Amino acid sequence: MPTDLLHRVDDTLTLAIQGYGWLPNRLRADQTDVVRTRLLGQTAVALHGPDAARFFYDERHIRRHGAIPEPIRGTLFGKGAVRCTPSTVSRTGCVRRCSPRC
C-alpha cells in the first residue's frame, strides 16, 4: 500500500513505528500547522504553533470534562492532582507548581 494512501486510511501504525517523531515529521511533510488524520480508527486533529496553543487552552473551544476515562485519569494524575494550565491560574488567581496547595 503506498505511504500516502496509508496516511489517508489511518496513522496508528506509522505513529507506533515513529513514536514522538511522527507528528513533527507529518508537520514538515505537509508544510502546515494542522494535521488531520485517523488514529485507532478515530478522526484526530493535531495543532502546532502559538495560535494552536492559545486555541487549545481557551475553554470555549475545547471540552475537557470526561475526555479522559477515570481509570486512566487516576493513573496519570492521581486523586486530588492539580492541572497546571493557564486557565487554572486565571481562575484561582494564584500560581500553582503542580501541587494541591496554592
PDB file of N, CA and C in Angstrom:
ATOM      1  N   MET A   1       0.852  -1.173   0.000  1.00  0.00           N
ATOM      2  CA  MET A   1       0.000   0.000   0.000  1.00  0.00           C
ATOM      3  C   MET A   1       0.902   1.241   0.000  1.00  0.00           C
ATOM      4  N   PRO A   2       0.693   2.184  -0.924  1.00  0.00           N
ATOM      5  CA  PRO A   2       1.529   3.390  -0.945  1.00  0.00           C
ATOM      6  C   PRO A   2       1.443   4.160   0.367  1.00  0.00           C
ATOM      7  N   THR A   3       2.554   4.804   0.734  1.00  0.00           N
ATOM      8  CA  THR A   3       2.626   5.516   2.012  1.00  0.00           C
ATOM      9  C   THR A   3       1.575   6.602   2.112  1.00  0.00           C
ATOM     10  N   ASP A   4       1.371   7.410   1.054  1.00  0.00           N
ATOM     11  CA  ASP A   4       0.390   8.491   1.130  1.00  0.00           C
ATOM     12  C   ASP A   4      -1.026   7.953   1.285  1.00  0.00           C
ATOM     13  N   LEU A   5      -1.333   6.800   0.682  1.00  0.00           N
ATOM     14  CA  LEU A   5      -2.649   6.193   0.859  1.00  0.00           C
ATOM     15  C   LEU A   5      -2.802   5.682   2.289  1.00  0.00           C
ATOM     16  N   LEU A   6      -1.733   5.119   2.847  1.00  0.00           N
ATOM     17  CA  LEU A   6      -1.767   4.646   4.232  1.00  0.00           C
ATOM     18  C   LEU A   6      -2.092   5.800   5.176  1.00  0.00           C
ATOM     19  N   HIS A   7      -1.521   7.004   4.930  1.00  0.00           N
ATOM     20  CA  HIS A   7      -1.821   8.178   5.770  1.00  0.00           C
ATOM     21  C   HIS A   7      -3.299   8.516   5.717  1.00  0.00           C
ATOM     22  N   ARG A   8      -3.927   8.357   4.556  1.00  0.00           N
ATOM     23  CA  ARG A   8      -5.345   8.703   4.440  1.00  0.00           C
ATOM     24  C   ARG A   8      -6.231   7.692   5.147  1.00  0.00           C
ATOM     25  N   VAL A   9      -5.776   6.460   5.290  1.00  0.00           N
ATOM     26  CA  VAL A   9      -6.577   5.422   5.933  1.00  0.00           C
ATOM     27  C   VAL A   9      -6.475   5.535   7.452  1.00  0.00           C
ATOM     28  N   ASP A  10      -5.267   5.480   7.988  1.00  0.00           N
ATOM     29  CA  ASP A  10      -5.061   5.528   9.438  1.00  0.00           C
ATOM     30  C   ASP A  10      -3.568   5.675   9.708  1.00  0.00           C
ATOM     31  N   ASP A  11      -3.208   6.493  10.690  1.00  0.00           N
ATOM     32  CA  ASP A  11      -1.804   6.732  11.021  1.00  0.00           C
ATOM     33  C   ASP A  11      -1.340   5.969  12.258  1.00  0.00           C
ATOM     34  N   THR A  12      -2.141   5.070  12.779  1.00  0.00           N
ATOM     35  CA  THR A  12      -1.793   4.375  14.016  1.00  0.00           C
ATOM     36  C   THR A  12      -0.480   3.613  13.893  1.00  0.00           C
ATOM     37  N   LEU A  13      -0.321   2.856  12.841  1.00  0.00           N
ATOM     38  CA  LEU A  13       0.900   2.064  12.663  1.00  0.00           C
ATOM     39  C   LEU A  13       2.118   2.977  12.499  1.00  0.00           C
ATOM     40  N   THR A  14       1.976   4.027  11.699  1.00  0.00           N
ATOM     41  CA  THR A  14       3.086   4.961  11.499  1.00  0.00           C
ATOM     42  C   THR A  14       3.473   5.627  12.813  1.00  0.00           C
ATOM     43  N   LEU A  15       2.479   6.024  13.613  1.00  0.00           N
ATOM     44  CA  LEU A  15       2.749   6.618  14.921  1.00  0.00           C
ATOM     45  C   LEU A  15       3.476   5.623  15.826  1.00  0.00           C
ATOM     46  N   ALA A  16       3.036   4.383  15.819  1.00  0.00           N
ATOM     47  CA  ALA A  16       3.671   3.355  16.651  1.00  0.00           C
ATOM     48  C   ALA A  16       5.132   3.131  16.235  1.00  0.00           C
ATOM     49  N   ILE A  17       5.395   3.189  14.953  1.00  0.00           N
ATOM     50  CA  ILE A  17       6.759   2.958  14.457  1.00  0.00           C
ATOM     51  C   ILE A  17       7.654   4.171  14.717  1.00  0.00           C
ATOM     52  N   GLN A  18       7.160   5.373  14.425  1.00  0.00           N
ATOM     53  CA  GLN A  18       7.988   6.579  14.537  1.00  0.00           C
ATOM     54  C   GLN A  18       8.003   7.183  15.938  1.00  0.00           C
ATOM     55  N   GLY A  19       7.023   6.865  16.747  1.00  0.00           N
ATOM     56  CA  GLY A  19       6.971   7.401  18.104  1.00  0.00           C
ATOM     57  C   GLY A  19       6.794   8.905  18.115  1.00  0.00           C
ATOM     58  N   TYR A  20       7.511   9.578  19.023  1.00  0.00           N
ATOM     59  CA  TYR A  20       7.365  11.018  19.190  1.00  0.00           C
ATOM     60  C   TYR A  20       7.710  11.803  17.922  1.00  0.00           C
ATOM     61  N   GLY A  21       8.513  11.236  17.058  1.00  0.00           N
ATOM     62  CA  GLY A  21       8.880  11.934  15.831  1.00  0.00           C
ATOM     63  C   GLY A  21       7.784  11.980  14.787  1.00  0.00           C
ATOM     64  N   TRP A  22       6.718  11.204  14.981  1.00  0.00           N
ATOM     65  CA  TRP A  22       5.664  11.122  13.969  1.00  0.00           C
ATOM     66  C   TRP A  22       5.047  12.478  13.668  1.00  0.00           C
ATOM     67  N   LEU A  23       4.622  13.219  14.677  1.00  0.00           N
ATOM     68  CA  LEU A  23       3.941  14.481  14.422  1.00  0.00           C
ATOM     69  C   LEU A  23       4.867  15.524  13.779  1.00  0.00           C
ATOM     70  N   PRO A  24       6.074  15.760  14.308  1.00  0.00           N
ATOM     71  CA  PRO A  24       6.951  16.708  13.612  1.00  0.00           C
ATOM     72  C   PRO A  24       7.234  16.299  12.162  1.00  0.00           C
ATOM     73  N   ASN A  25       7.372  14.998  11.918  1.00  0.00           N
ATOM     74  CA  ASN A  25       7.593  14.521  10.552  1.00  0.00           C
ATOM     75  C   ASN A  25       6.407  14.850   9.655  1.00  0.00           C
ATOM     76  N   ARG A  26       5.194  14.618  10.157  1.00  0.00           N
ATOM     77  CA  ARG A  26       3.987  14.923   9.364  1.00  0.00           C
ATOM     78  C   ARG A  26       3.848  16.419   9.135  1.00  0.00           C
ATOM     79  N   LEU A  27       4.129  17.234  10.160  1.00  0.00           N
ATOM     80  CA  LEU A  27       4.026  18.691  10.002  1.00  0.00           C
ATOM     81  C   LEU A  27       5.003  19.185   8.934  1.00  0.00           C
ATOM     82  N   ARG A  28       6.232  18.658   8.953  1.00  0.00           N
ATOM     83  CA  ARG A  28       7.226  19.041   7.935  1.00  0.00           C
ATOM     84  C   ARG A  28       6.809  18.560   6.553  1.00  0.00           C
ATOM     85  N   ALA A  29       6.365  17.320   6.462  1.00  0.00           N
ATOM     86  CA  ALA A  29       5.989  16.746   5.170  1.00  0.00           C
ATOM     87  C   ALA A  29       4.804  17.491   4.553  1.00  0.00           C
ATOM     88  N   ASP A  30       3.826  17.856   5.381  1.00  0.00           N
ATOM     89  CA  ASP A  30       2.626  18.539   4.888  1.00  0.00           C
ATOM     90  C   ASP A  30       2.807  20.047   4.827  1.00  0.00           C
ATOM     91  N   GLN A  31       3.908  20.568   5.397  1.00  0.00           N
ATOM     92  CA  GLN A  31       4.190  22.005   5.455  1.00  0.00           C
ATOM     93  C   GLN A  31       2.986  22.787   5.974  1.00  0.00           C
ATOM     94  N   THR A  32       2.524  22.386   7.173  1.00  0.00           N
ATOM     95  CA  THR A  32       1.350  23.011   7.770  1.00  0.00           C
ATOM     96  C   THR A  32       1.453  22.977   9.281  1.00  0.00           C
ATOM     97  N   ASP A  33       0.574  23.710   9.959  1.00  0.00           N
ATOM     98  CA  ASP A  33       0.481  23.668  11.419  1.00  0.00           C
ATOM     99  C   ASP A  33      -0.710  22.829  11.876  1.00  0.00           C
ATOM    100  N   VAL A  34      -1.439  22.234  10.924  1.00  0.00           N
ATOM    101  CA  VAL A  34      -2.603  21.409  11.248  1.00  0.00           C
ATOM    102  C   VAL A  34      -2.497  20.081  10.505  1.00  0.00           C
ATOM    103  N   VAL A  35      -2.594  18.980  11.253  1.00  0.00           N
ATOM    104  CA  VAL A  35      -2.586  17.644  10.652  1.00  0.00           C
ATOM    105  C   VAL A  35      -3.919  16.983  10.971  1.00  0.00           C
ATOM    106  N   ARG A  36      -4.630  16.628   9.926  1.00  0.00           N
ATOM    107  CA  ARG A  36      -5.884  15.879  10.082  1.00  0.00           C
ATOM    108  C   ARG A  36      -5.585  14.434   9.702  1.00  0.00           C
ATOM    109  N   THR A  37      -5.979  13.498  10.579  1.00  0.00           N
ATOM    110  CA  THR A  37      -5.648  12.096  10.341  1.00  0.00           C
ATOM    111  C   THR A  37      -6.656  11.200  11.050  1.00  0.00           C
ATOM    112  N   ARG A  38      -6.363   9.919  11.073  1.00  0.00           N
ATOM    113  CA  ARG A  38      -7.135   8.949  11.846  1.00  0.00           C
ATOM    114  C   ARG A  38      -6.152   8.162  12.708  1.00  0.00           C
ATOM    115  N   LEU A  39      -6.491   7.987  13.978  1.00  0.00           N
ATOM    116  CA  LEU A  39      -5.702   7.179  14.902  1.00  0.00           C
ATOM    117  C   LEU A  39      -6.643   6.207  15.583  1.00  0.00           C
ATOM    118  N   LEU A  40      -6.309   4.940  15.555  1.00  0.00           N
ATOM    119  CA  LEU A  40      -7.161   3.877  16.099  1.00  0.00           C
ATOM    120  C   LEU A  40      -8.581   3.972  15.536  1.00  0.00           C
ATOM    121  N   GLY A  41      -8.663   4.353  14.259  1.00  0.00           N
ATOM    122  CA  GLY A  41      -9.953   4.428  13.588  1.00  0.00           C
ATOM    123  C   GLY A  41     -10.764   5.674  13.891  1.00  0.00           C
ATOM    124  N   GLN A  42     -10.259   6.543  14.739  1.00  0.00           N
ATOM    125  CA  GLN A  42     -10.973   7.764  15.114  1.00  0.00           C
ATOM    126  C   GLN A  42     -10.346   8.973  14.423  1.00  0.00           C
ATOM    127  N   THR A  43     -11.174   9.927  14.044  1.00  0.00           N
ATOM    128  CA  THR A  43     -10.669  11.162  13.466  1.00  0.00           C
ATOM    129  C   THR A  43      -9.853  11.908  14.514  1.00  0.00           C
ATOM    130  N   ALA A  44      -8.698  12.432  14.107  1.00  0.00           N
ATOM    131  CA  ALA A  44      -7.829  13.171  15.019  1.00  0.00           C
ATOM    132  C   ALA A  44      -7.284  14.399  14.302  1.00  0.00           C
ATOM    133  N   VAL A  45      -7.103  15.470  15.064  1.00  0.00           N
ATOM    134  CA  VAL A  45      -6.515  16.700  14.533  1.00  0.00           C
ATOM    135  C   VAL A  45      -5.390  17.109  15.473  1.00  0.00           C
ATOM    136  N   ALA A  46      -4.220  17.368  14.917  1.00  0.00           N
ATOM    137  CA  ALA A  46      -3.078  17.849  15.699  1.00  0.00           C
ATOM    138  C   ALA A  46      -2.799  19.286  15.282  1.00  0.00           C
ATOM    139  N   LEU A  47      -2.638  20.153  16.261  1.00  0.00           N
ATOM    140  CA  LEU A  47      -2.372  21.568  16.019  1.00  0.00           C
ATOM    141  C   LEU A  47      -0.970  21.897  16.502  1.00  0.00           C
ATOM    142  N   HIS A  48      -0.311  22.854  15.835  1.00  0.00           N
ATOM    143  CA  HIS A  48       1.058  23.214  16.175  1.00  0.00           C
ATOM    144  C   HIS A  48       1.210  24.724  16.110  1.00  0.00           C
ATOM    145  N   GLY A  49       1.967  25.287  17.037  1.00  0.00           N
ATOM    146  CA  GLY A  49       2.290  26.704  16.986  1.00  0.00           C
ATOM    147  C   GLY A  49       1.620  27.507  18.090  1.00  0.00           C
ATOM    148  N   PRO A  50       2.000  28.785  18.229  1.00  0.00           N
ATOM    149  CA  PRO A  50       1.463  29.644  19.291  1.00  0.00           C
ATOM    150  C   PRO A  50      -0.050  29.828  19.204  1.00  0.00           C
ATOM    151  N   ASP A  51      -0.586  30.008  17.988  1.00  0.00           N
ATOM    152  CA  ASP A  51      -2.036  30.162  17.845  1.00  0.00           C
ATOM    153  C   ASP A  51      -2.764  28.891  18.264  1.00  0.00           C
ATOM    154  N   ALA A  52      -2.171  27.741  17.957  1.00  0.00           N
ATOM    155  CA  ALA A  52      -2.773  26.468  18.344  1.00  0.00           C
ATOM    156  C   ALA A  52      -2.792  26.323  19.858  1.00  0.00           C
ATOM    157  N   ALA A  53      -1.720  26.748  20.531  1.00  0.00           N
ATOM    158  CA  ALA A  53      -1.669  26.672  21.997  1.00  0.00           C
ATOM    159  C   ALA A  53      -2.745  27.565  22.614  1.00  0.00           C
ATOM    160  N   ARG A  54      -2.894  28.780  22.098  1.00  0.00           N
ATOM    161  CA  ARG A  54      -3.944  29.665  22.613  1.00  0.00           C
ATOM    162  C   ARG A  54      -5.322  29.050  22.394  1.00  0.00           C
ATOM    163  N   PHE A  55      -5.554  28.478  21.219  1.00  0.00           N
ATOM    164  CA  PHE A  55      -6.829  27.830  20.917  1.00  0.00           C
ATOM    165  C   PHE A  55      -7.086  26.674  21.879  1.00  0.00           C
ATOM    166  N   PHE A  56      -6.068  25.849  22.103  1.00  0.00           N
ATOM    167  CA  PHE A  56      -6.200  24.658  22.943  1.00  0.00           C
ATOM    168  C   PHE A  56      -6.544  25.013  24.382  1.00  0.00           C
ATOM    169  N   TYR A  57      -5.930  26.064  24.925  1.00  0.00           N
ATOM    170  CA  TYR A  57      -6.166  26.427  26.319  1.00  0.00           C
ATOM    171  C   TYR A  57      -7.388  27.307  26.524  1.00  0.00           C
ATOM    172  N   ASP A  58      -8.024  27.746  25.450  1.00  0.00           N
ATOM    173  CA  ASP A  58      -9.258  28.534  25.553  1.00  0.00           C
ATOM    174  C   ASP A  58     -10.425  27.570  25.737  1.00  0.00           C
ATOM    175  N   GLU A  59     -11.028  27.577  26.903  1.00  0.00           N
ATOM    176  CA  GLU A  59     -12.072  26.603  27.229  1.00  0.00           C
ATOM    177  C   GLU A  59     -13.356  26.786  26.427  1.00  0.00           C
ATOM    178  N   ARG A  60     -13.440  27.839  25.643  1.00  0.00           N
ATOM    179  CA  ARG A  60     -14.594  27.990  24.742  1.00  0.00           C
ATOM    180  C   ARG A  60     -14.479  27.037  23.557  1.00  0.00           C
ATOM    181  N   HIS A  61     -13.271  26.551  23.281  1.00  0.00           N
ATOM    182  CA  HIS A  61     -13.043  25.707  22.109  1.00  0.00           C
ATOM    183  C   HIS A  61     -12.887  24.228  22.446  1.00  0.00           C
ATOM    184  N   ILE A  62     -12.340  23.921  23.599  1.00  0.00           N
ATOM    185  CA  ILE A  62     -12.001  22.538  23.942  1.00  0.00           C
ATOM    186  C   ILE A  62     -12.801  22.099  25.164  1.00  0.00           C
ATOM    187  N   ARG A  63     -13.490  20.967  25.037  1.00  0.00           N
ATOM    188  CA  ARG A  63     -14.231  20.393  26.161  1.00  0.00           C
ATOM    189  C   ARG A  63     -13.355  19.327  26.791  1.00  0.00           C
ATOM    190  N   ARG A  64     -12.991  19.518  28.054  1.00  0.00           N
ATOM    191  CA  ARG A  64     -12.106  18.577  28.736  1.00  0.00           C
ATOM    192  C   ARG A  64     -12.853  17.628  29.671  1.00  0.00           C
ATOM    193  N   HIS A  65     -13.983  18.064  30.219  1.00  0.00           N
ATOM    194  CA  HIS A  65     -14.714  17.232  31.174  1.00  0.00           C
ATOM    195  C   HIS A  65     -15.090  15.908  30.515  1.00  0.00           C
ATOM    196  N   GLY A  66     -14.646  14.810  31.111  1.00  0.00           N
ATOM    197  CA  GLY A  66     -14.960  13.487  30.598  1.00  0.00           C
ATOM    198  C   GLY A  66     -14.073  13.034  29.445  1.00  0.00           C
ATOM    199  N   ALA A  67     -13.081  13.844  29.075  1.00  0.00           N
ATOM    200  CA  ALA A  67     -12.220  13.487  27.943  1.00  0.00           C
ATOM    201  C   ALA A  67     -11.319  12.306  28.265  1.00  0.00           C
ATOM    202  N   ILE A  68     -10.913  12.174  29.529  1.00  0.00           N
ATOM    203  CA  ILE A  68     -10.050  11.065  29.931  1.00  0.00           C
ATOM    204  C   ILE A  68     -10.858  10.153  30.856  1.00  0.00           C
ATOM    205  N   PRO A  69     -10.995   8.877  30.501  1.00  0.00           N
ATOM    206  CA  PRO A  69     -11.737   7.952  31.363  1.00  0.00           C
ATOM    207  C   PRO A  69     -11.109   7.880  32.759  1.00  0.00           C
ATOM    208  N   GLU A  70     -11.926   7.684  33.770  1.00  0.00           N
ATOM    209  CA  GLU A  70     -11.487   7.706  35.169  1.00  0.00           C
ATOM    210  C   GLU A  70     -10.307   6.786  35.464  1.00  0.00           C
ATOM    211  N   PRO A  71     -10.293   5.514  34.997  1.00  0.00           N
ATOM    212  CA  PRO A  71      -9.141   4.666  35.325  1.00  0.00           C
ATOM    213  C   PRO A  71      -7.823   5.250  34.814  1.00  0.00           C
ATOM    214  N   ILE A  72      -7.850   5.857  33.650  1.00  0.00           N
ATOM    215  CA  ILE A  72      -6.632   6.454  33.099  1.00  0.00           C
ATOM    216  C   ILE A  72      -6.305   7.746  33.835  1.00  0.00           C
ATOM    217  N   ARG A  73      -7.317   8.572  34.103  1.00  0.00           N
ATOM    218  CA  ARG A  73      -7.101   9.834  34.810  1.00  0.00           C
ATOM    219  C   ARG A  73      -6.496   9.568  36.182  1.00  0.00           C
ATOM    220  N   GLY A  74      -7.015   8.579  36.901  1.00  0.00           N
ATOM    221  CA  GLY A  74      -6.489   8.249  38.223  1.00  0.00           C
ATOM    222  C   GLY A  74      -5.040   7.786  38.169  1.00  0.00           C
ATOM    223  N   THR A  75      -4.710   7.012  37.124  1.00  0.00           N
ATOM    224  CA  THR A  75      -3.348   6.513  36.979  1.00  0.00           C
ATOM    225  C   THR A  75      -2.380   7.642  36.624  1.00  0.00           C
ATOM    226  N   LEU A  76      -2.780   8.503  35.717  1.00  0.00           N
ATOM    227  CA  LEU A  76      -1.891   9.571  35.260  1.00  0.00           C
ATOM    228  C   LEU A  76      -1.754  10.710  36.253  1.00  0.00           C
ATOM    229  N   PHE A  77      -2.873  11.111  36.849  1.00  0.00           N
ATOM    230  CA  PHE A  77      -2.872  12.320  37.657  1.00  0.00           C
ATOM    231  C   PHE A  77      -3.085  12.078  39.139  1.00  0.00           C
ATOM    232  N   GLY A  78      -3.620  10.934  39.519  1.00  0.00           N
ATOM    233  CA  GLY A  78      -3.864  10.630  40.923  1.00  0.00           C
ATOM    234  C   GLY A  78      -5.029  11.424  41.498  1.00  0.00           C
ATOM    235  N   LYS A  79      -5.470  11.039  42.653  1.00  0.00           N
ATOM    236  CA  LYS A  79      -6.578  11.730  43.323  1.00  0.00           C
ATOM    237  C   LYS A  79      -6.086  13.082  43.840  1.00  0.00           C
ATOM    238  N   GLY A  80      -6.833  14.131  43.573  1.00  0.00           N
ATOM    239  CA  GLY A  80      -6.501  15.444  44.084  1.00  0.00           C
ATOM    240  C   GLY A  80      -5.377  16.145  43.352  1.00  0.00           C
ATOM    241  N   ALA A  81      -4.955  15.587  42.203  1.00  0.00           N
ATOM    242  CA  ALA A  81      -3.879  16.244  41.447  1.00  0.00           C
ATOM    243  C   ALA A  81      -4.396  17.537  40.847  1.00  0.00           C
ATOM    244  N   VAL A  82      -3.505  18.467  40.668  1.00  0.00           N
ATOM    245  CA  VAL A  82      -3.869  19.771  40.125  1.00  0.00           C
ATOM    246  C   VAL A  82      -3.323  19.883  38.709  1.00  0.00           C
ATOM    247  N   ARG A  83      -4.199  20.273  37.803  1.00  0.00           N
ATOM    248  CA  ARG A  83      -3.755  20.539  36.437  1.00  0.00           C
ATOM    249  C   ARG A  83      -3.050  21.874  36.429  1.00  0.00           C
ATOM    250  N   CYS A  84      -1.908  21.938  35.830  1.00  0.00           N
ATOM    251  CA  CYS A  84      -1.180  23.205  35.727  1.00  0.00           C
ATOM    252  C   CYS A  84      -1.423  23.791  34.347  1.00  0.00           C
ATOM    253  N   THR A  85      -2.460  24.585  34.223  1.00  0.00           N
ATOM    254  CA  THR A  85      -2.777  25.234  32.966  1.00  0.00           C
ATOM    255  C   THR A  85      -2.983  26.712  33.208  1.00  0.00           C
ATOM    256  N   PRO A  86      -2.872  27.522  32.156  1.00  0.00           N
ATOM    257  CA  PRO A  86      -3.147  28.942  32.321  1.00  0.00           C
ATOM    258  C   PRO A  86      -4.555  29.204  32.848  1.00  0.00           C
ATOM    259  N   SER A  87      -5.530  28.362  32.462  1.00  0.00           N
ATOM    260  CA  SER A  87      -6.895  28.581  32.936  1.00  0.00           C
ATOM    261  C   SER A  87      -6.995  28.329  34.438  1.00  0.00           C
ATOM    262  N   THR A  88      -6.225  27.376  34.972  1.00  0.00           N
ATOM    263  CA  THR A  88      -6.223  27.123  36.414  1.00  0.00           C
ATOM    264  C   THR A  88      -5.694  28.347  37.145  1.00  0.00           C
ATOM    265  N   VAL A  89      -4.621  28.921  36.617  1.00  0.00           N
ATOM    266  CA  VAL A  89      -4.025  30.095  37.247  1.00  0.00           C
ATOM    267  C   VAL A  89      -5.000  31.260  37.214  1.00  0.00           C
ATOM    268  N   SER A  90      -5.635  31.493  36.064  1.00  0.00           N
ATOM    269  CA  SER A  90      -6.522  32.646  35.966  1.00  0.00           C
ATOM    270  C   SER A  90      -7.778  32.465  36.816  1.00  0.00           C
ATOM    271  N   ARG A  91      -8.288  31.254  36.933  1.00  0.00           N
ATOM    272  CA  ARG A  91      -9.497  31.022  37.734  1.00  0.00           C
ATOM    273  C   ARG A  91      -9.220  31.131  39.223  1.00  0.00           C
ATOM    274  N   THR A  92      -8.063  30.657  39.666  1.00  0.00           N
ATOM    275  CA  THR A  92      -7.775  30.640  41.099  1.00  0.00           C
ATOM    276  C   THR A  92      -7.072  31.904  41.558  1.00  0.00           C
ATOM    277  N   GLY A  93      -6.459  32.629  40.628  1.00  0.00           N
ATOM    278  CA  GLY A  93      -5.755  33.848  40.984  1.00  0.00           C
ATOM    279  C   GLY A  93      -4.414  33.589  41.642  1.00  0.00           C
ATOM    280  N   CYS A  94      -3.926  32.391  41.574  1.00  0.00           N
ATOM    281  CA  CYS A  94      -2.622  32.090  42.163  1.00  0.00           C
ATOM    282  C   CYS A  94      -1.835  31.203  41.219  1.00  0.00           C
ATOM    283  N   VAL A  95      -0.557  31.194  41.375  1.00  0.00           N
ATOM    284  CA  VAL A  95       0.303  30.357  40.558  1.00  0.00           C
ATOM    285  C   VAL A  95       0.524  29.041  41.279  1.00  0.00           C
ATOM    286  N   ARG A  96       0.302  27.956  40.581  1.00  0.00           N
ATOM    287  CA  ARG A  96       0.483  26.629  41.167  1.00  0.00           C
ATOM    288  C   ARG A  96       1.659  25.954  40.514  1.00  0.00           C
ATOM    289  N   ARG A  97       2.380  25.235  41.265  1.00  0.00           N
ATOM    290  CA  ARG A  97       3.508  24.460  40.732  1.00  0.00           C
ATOM    291  C   ARG A  97       3.183  22.974  40.811  1.00  0.00           C
ATOM    292  N   CYS A  98       2.055  22.589  40.249  1.00  0.00           N
ATOM    293  CA  CYS A  98       1.629  21.194  40.213  1.00  0.00           C
ATOM    294  C   CYS A  98       1.545  20.594  41.612  1.00  0.00           C
ATOM    295  N   SER A  99       1.016  21.350  42.535  1.00  0.00           N
ATOM    296  CA  SER A  99       0.792  20.829  43.882  1.00  0.00           C
ATOM    297  C   SER A  99      -0.626  21.180  44.283  1.00  0.00           C
ATOM    298  N   PRO A 100      -1.232  20.420  45.190  1.00  0.00           N
ATOM    299  CA  PRO A 100      -2.619  20.684  45.569  1.00  0.00           C
ATOM    300  C   PRO A 100      -2.807  21.981  46.324  1.00  0.00           C
ATOM    301  N   ARG A 101      -1.737  22.547  46.870  1.00  0.00           N
ATOM    302  CA  ARG A 101      -1.864  23.796  47.619  1.00  0.00           C
ATOM    303  C   ARG A 101      -1.470  24.980  46.775  1.00  0.00           C
ATOM    304  N   CYS A 102      -1.998  26.122  47.115  1.00  0.00           N
ATOM    305  CA  CYS A 102      -1.682  27.343  46.379  1.00  0.00           C
ATOM    306  C   CYS A 102      -0.673  28.142  47.193  1.00  0.00           C
TER     307      CYS A 102
END
